[in-house]
Amino acid sequence: MKQDFAKAIAYNVKVTPRKAKLVVDLVKGKSVNEALAILANVNRKAVSDVVKVIKSAAANAVKNHQMTEAFLYVAELAANEGKRDKRFMPRGKGSASKIIKRKTHLFCVVKERAGA
């Protein structure tokens, strides 16, 4: 049976989830070509990783599931909390402050529009 969706996942992307969600919310539900055009004009660090995941999911749909690239759209796109790196920064009088470096897991699912 032919699967009606294709997905791609990027684990531990070095962008905080809060900042990645700002980019992700711009392109949910849009066609793949429209999403890539929108992201080409956004000036955020997370854009390159989101574009990479969308392109990978689209390539998986075309190669593995024989879908037509022109009819693909971003059905689901999520930026979830990933691994946290904990570091310490030296402070005055021999103390230290905690630094948490957050990572993100990006999930993308593309589907074919009904007009295909």
Protein backbone atom coordinates (compact mmCIF):
# COMPACT_ATOMS: atom_id res chain seq x y z
CA MET A 1 0.00 0.00 0.00
CA LYS A 2 1.28 3.44 -0.95
CA GLN A 3 1.94 5.73 1.99
CA ASP A 4 0.23 9.14 1.67
CA PHE A 5 2.94 11.15 3.46
CA ALA A 6 6.70 11.49 3.71
CA LYS A 7 8.70 12.79 6.63
CA ALA A 8 12.11 14.07 7.61
CA ILE A 9 13.59 14.66 11.06
CA ALA A 10 16.58 16.71 12.24
CA TYR A 11 17.71 16.01 15.78
CA ASN A 12 19.69 18.35 18.06
CA VAL A 13 19.74 21.40 15.81
CA LYS A 14 21.73 24.14 17.52
CA VAL A 15 18.89 26.67 17.73
CA THR A 16 16.59 27.22 20.70
CA PRO A 17 13.06 25.82 20.24
CA ARG A 18 11.47 29.19 20.96
CA LYS A 19 13.36 30.84 18.08
CA ALA A 20 12.79 27.89 15.73
CA LYS A 21 9.02 28.00 16.36
CA LEU A 22 8.92 31.58 15.05
CA VAL A 23 10.20 30.31 11.70
CA VAL A 24 8.15 27.10 11.69
CA ASP A 25 4.85 28.95 12.23
CA LEU A 26 5.41 30.99 9.05
CA VAL A 27 5.21 28.00 6.71
CA LYS A 28 2.84 25.43 8.25
CA GLY A 29 0.19 24.38 5.74
CA LYS A 30 1.83 26.09 2.75
CA SER A 31 2.92 24.32 -0.41
CA VAL A 32 6.56 23.25 -0.42
CA ASN A 33 7.57 25.72 -3.14
CA GLU A 34 5.74 28.59 -1.41
CA ALA A 35 7.30 27.69 1.96
CA LEU A 36 10.80 27.72 0.48
CA ALA A 37 10.11 31.09 -1.19
CA ILE A 38 8.89 32.57 2.11
CA LEU A 39 11.91 31.26 4.01
CA ALA A 40 14.29 32.69 1.40
CA ASN A 41 13.28 36.16 2.61
CA VAL A 42 13.40 35.53 6.37
CA ASN A 43 16.47 36.63 8.29
CA ARG A 44 16.68 34.15 11.18
CA LYS A 45 19.30 31.60 12.21
CA ALA A 46 16.81 28.69 12.20
CA VAL A 47 15.84 29.22 8.55
CA SER A 48 18.67 27.15 7.06
CA ASP A 49 17.82 24.12 9.22
CA VAL A 50 14.08 24.37 8.53
CA VAL A 51 14.73 24.65 4.77
CA LYS A 52 16.99 21.60 4.92
CA VAL A 53 14.30 19.51 6.66
CA ILE A 54 11.54 20.62 4.24
CA LYS A 55 13.71 19.84 1.20
CA SER A 56 14.62 16.45 2.65
CA ALA A 57 10.98 15.55 3.29
CA ALA A 58 10.04 16.63 -0.24
CA ALA A 59 12.88 14.56 -1.71
CA ASN A 60 11.75 11.54 0.32
CA ALA A 61 8.20 11.99 -1.02
CA VAL A 62 9.34 12.11 -4.64
CA LYS A 63 11.95 9.34 -4.47
CA ASN A 64 10.44 6.86 -2.01
CA HIS A 65 6.68 7.42 -2.36
CA GLN A 66 6.37 8.48 -6.05
CA MET A 67 4.52 11.74 -5.24
CA THR A 68 4.45 14.73 -7.59
CA GLU A 69 6.64 17.57 -6.36
CA ALA A 70 4.32 20.31 -7.62
CA PHE A 71 1.42 19.10 -5.42
CA LEU A 72 3.35 18.69 -2.15
CA TYR A 73 2.52 20.80 0.91
CA VAL A 74 3.85 21.03 4.46
CA ALA A 75 1.22 19.08 6.43
CA GLU A 76 3.05 19.11 9.76
CA LEU A 77 6.10 21.01 10.92
CA ALA A 78 7.21 21.04 14.55
CA ALA A 79 10.13 22.41 16.55
CA ASN A 80 10.35 20.52 19.83
CA GLU A 81 12.69 20.72 22.78
CA GLY A 82 15.82 18.65 22.28
CA LYS A 83 18.87 17.93 24.36
CA ARG A 84 20.11 20.58 26.80
CA ASP A 85 23.80 21.18 27.33
CA LYS A 86 24.58 22.48 30.80
CA ARG A 87 27.62 24.71 31.23
CA PHE A 88 28.98 26.94 33.96
CA MET A 89 30.29 30.47 33.64
CA PRO A 90 32.76 31.69 36.28
CA ARG A 91 31.55 34.70 38.24
CA GLY A 92 32.94 36.92 40.92
CA LYS A 93 34.14 35.76 44.34
CA GLY A 94 34.70 32.16 43.23
CA SER A 95 31.07 31.45 42.31
CA ALA A 96 29.59 30.23 39.05
CA SER A 97 26.37 30.70 37.05
CA LYS A 98 24.57 27.97 35.14
CA ILE A 99 24.22 28.30 31.35
CA ILE A 100 21.74 26.09 29.49
CA LYS A 101 22.36 25.67 25.76
CA ARG A 102 19.11 24.41 24.26
CA LYS A 103 18.80 22.28 21.13
CA THR A 104 15.80 21.59 18.90
CA HIS A 105 14.31 18.57 17.16
CA LEU A 106 12.67 19.51 13.82
CA PHE A 107 9.95 17.24 12.40
CA CYS A 108 8.46 17.75 8.92
CA VAL A 109 5.67 15.81 7.21
CA VAL A 110 4.70 16.56 3.62
CA LYS A 111 1.60 15.29 1.83
CA GLU A 112 0.16 15.54 -1.64
CA ARG A 113 -2.77 17.88 -2.28
CA ALA A 114 -6.05 16.29 -3.39
CA GLY A 115 -5.77 17.77 -6.91
CA ALA A 116 -2.90 15.42 -7.79
